[in-house]
Structures are given as C-alpha cells and as structure tokens.
Protein backbone atom coordinates (compact mmCIF):
# COMPACT_ATOMS: atom_id res chain seq x y z
CA MET A 1 0.00 0.00 0.00
CA ALA A 2 1.39 3.39 -0.99
CA LYS A 3 1.81 6.27 1.42
CA GLU A 4 -0.63 9.06 0.53
CA ALA A 5 0.23 12.57 1.80
CA THR A 6 -3.42 13.65 2.07
CA ASP A 7 -4.45 10.64 4.16
CA LEU A 8 -4.57 11.85 7.75
CA THR A 9 -6.38 8.83 9.18
CA THR A 10 -3.25 6.67 9.13
CA ILE A 11 -1.23 8.98 11.36
CA ASP A 12 1.24 6.21 12.22
CA LEU A 13 2.60 6.51 8.68
CA PHE A 14 3.33 10.19 9.29
CA SER A 15 4.83 10.03 12.78
CA ASP A 16 8.20 11.25 11.50
CA GLU A 17 6.72 14.31 9.78
CA LYS A 18 6.77 17.71 11.45
CA ARG A 19 3.27 18.97 12.22
CA PRO A 20 2.43 22.69 12.30
CA GLY A 21 2.08 24.32 15.68
CA ARG A 22 4.12 25.35 18.66
CA PRO A 23 6.58 22.70 19.83
CA LYS A 24 6.34 21.38 23.36
CA THR A 25 9.06 23.20 25.29
CA ASN A 26 8.54 21.85 28.81
CA PRO A 27 8.08 18.18 29.70
CA LEU A 28 6.02 19.01 32.82
CA PRO A 29 2.22 19.41 32.75
CA ARG A 30 0.89 22.98 32.93
CA ASN A 31 -0.42 22.76 36.52
CA VAL A 32 3.02 21.65 37.75
CA GLN A 33 4.68 24.47 35.78
CA ILE A 34 2.36 27.00 37.45
CA LYS A 35 3.23 25.70 40.93
CA ILE A 36 6.97 25.89 40.20
CA ASN A 37 6.67 29.40 38.74
CA LYS A 38 4.67 30.59 41.77
CA ARG A 39 7.22 29.08 44.17
CA ASN A 40 10.04 30.81 42.30
CA GLN A 41 8.14 34.14 42.38
CA VAL A 42 7.69 33.86 46.16
CA LYS A 43 11.43 33.14 46.55
CA ARG A 44 12.32 36.17 44.39
CA ASP A 45 9.99 38.40 46.37
CA ARG A 46 11.38 37.15 49.67
CA SER A 47 14.96 37.75 48.55
CA ASN A 48 13.95 41.32 47.55
CA GLY A 49 12.60 41.93 51.06
CA LEU A 50 8.94 41.77 50.05
CA LYS A 51 6.24 40.17 52.17
CA ARG A 52 2.83 39.09 50.88
CA VAL A 53 -0.25 40.69 52.48
CA GLU A 54 -3.78 39.69 51.60
CA PHE A 55 -7.01 41.33 52.75
CA LYS A 56 -10.59 41.79 51.62
CA ILE A 57 -12.12 45.15 50.73
CA HIS A 58 -15.49 46.25 49.38
CA HIS A 59 -15.75 46.31 45.59
CA THR A 60 -16.40 50.09 45.49
CA LEU A 61 -13.10 50.75 47.30
CA PHE A 62 -11.40 48.30 44.96
CA GLU A 63 -12.71 50.17 41.92
CA GLN A 64 -11.56 53.51 43.38
CA LEU A 65 -8.07 52.11 43.97
CA ASP A 66 -8.00 50.67 40.48
CA GLN A 67 -9.05 53.96 38.87
CA ARG A 68 -6.51 55.99 40.85
CA ALA A 69 -3.73 53.53 40.05
CA LYS A 70 -4.55 53.79 36.34
CA ALA A 71 -4.63 57.58 36.57
CA GLU A 72 -1.21 57.63 38.23
CA GLN A 73 0.04 54.91 35.85
CA ILE A 74 1.24 52.62 38.63
CA SER A 75 0.13 49.20 39.76
CA ARG A 76 -2.61 48.83 42.35
CA GLY A 77 -0.12 47.24 44.75
CA GLU A 78 2.27 50.18 44.41
CA LEU A 79 -0.61 52.58 45.06
CA ILE A 80 -1.70 50.71 48.19
CA GLU A 81 1.90 50.61 49.42
CA SER A 82 2.32 54.37 48.91
CA LEU A 83 -0.98 55.08 50.70
CA LEU A 84 0.07 52.92 53.66
CA ILE A 85 3.49 54.64 53.85
CA ALA A 86 1.83 58.09 53.75
CA SER A 87 -0.69 57.07 56.40
CA LEU A 88 2.01 55.70 58.71
CA ALA A 89 4.16 58.81 58.24
CA ALA A 90 1.17 61.07 59.03
CA SER A 91 0.28 59.08 62.15
CA GLN A 92 3.84 59.38 63.52
CA ASN A 93 3.70 63.20 63.47
C-alpha cells in the first residue's frame, strides 16, 4: 500500500513528519509548571525583602483604587503601598 500525503487517518505513517504548531518546550504538565513558577516568584519576592499581604475590601473601594492607580500609571499594589506609607508617616507626626 502506498503512502498518501493527504491521508490523515493513518497517522502512524506520518509520525516522523513535522506537524504545524508550537513545539512542546517543557516536559512538565501545565499545573506543575504553574506551581513551580509561583514558588520561584515567592522566593524572588522574599529575597527582595517583600512580604505578601492579603485582605478583603469592598468592591467600590477596589474600583476607586484601580481607577486611581490607572490615573497615576502605577500598579494597584504600588498605590496601596504608597498610601500605607503616607498614612504611617502622618500618624507618627
């Protein structure tokens, strides 16, 4: 039986051919890659002297923070950090 280039049902005949698409670059599954990347991010942050803080706020306050951060062209985290620093400096005086 001859090998027909348009026959895609007998994929075993074409296993040596390159298929279009992005090549697999990491042997690990995506969920494992995400865990490793997150762990590395935490290590980088820790080595830079950063500490993670998590809290809940009302959505209206969240939207105000988001709008102000966009207006000042900084991240929301940077805005919150600057507000906390200003508040602490004001309370010490």
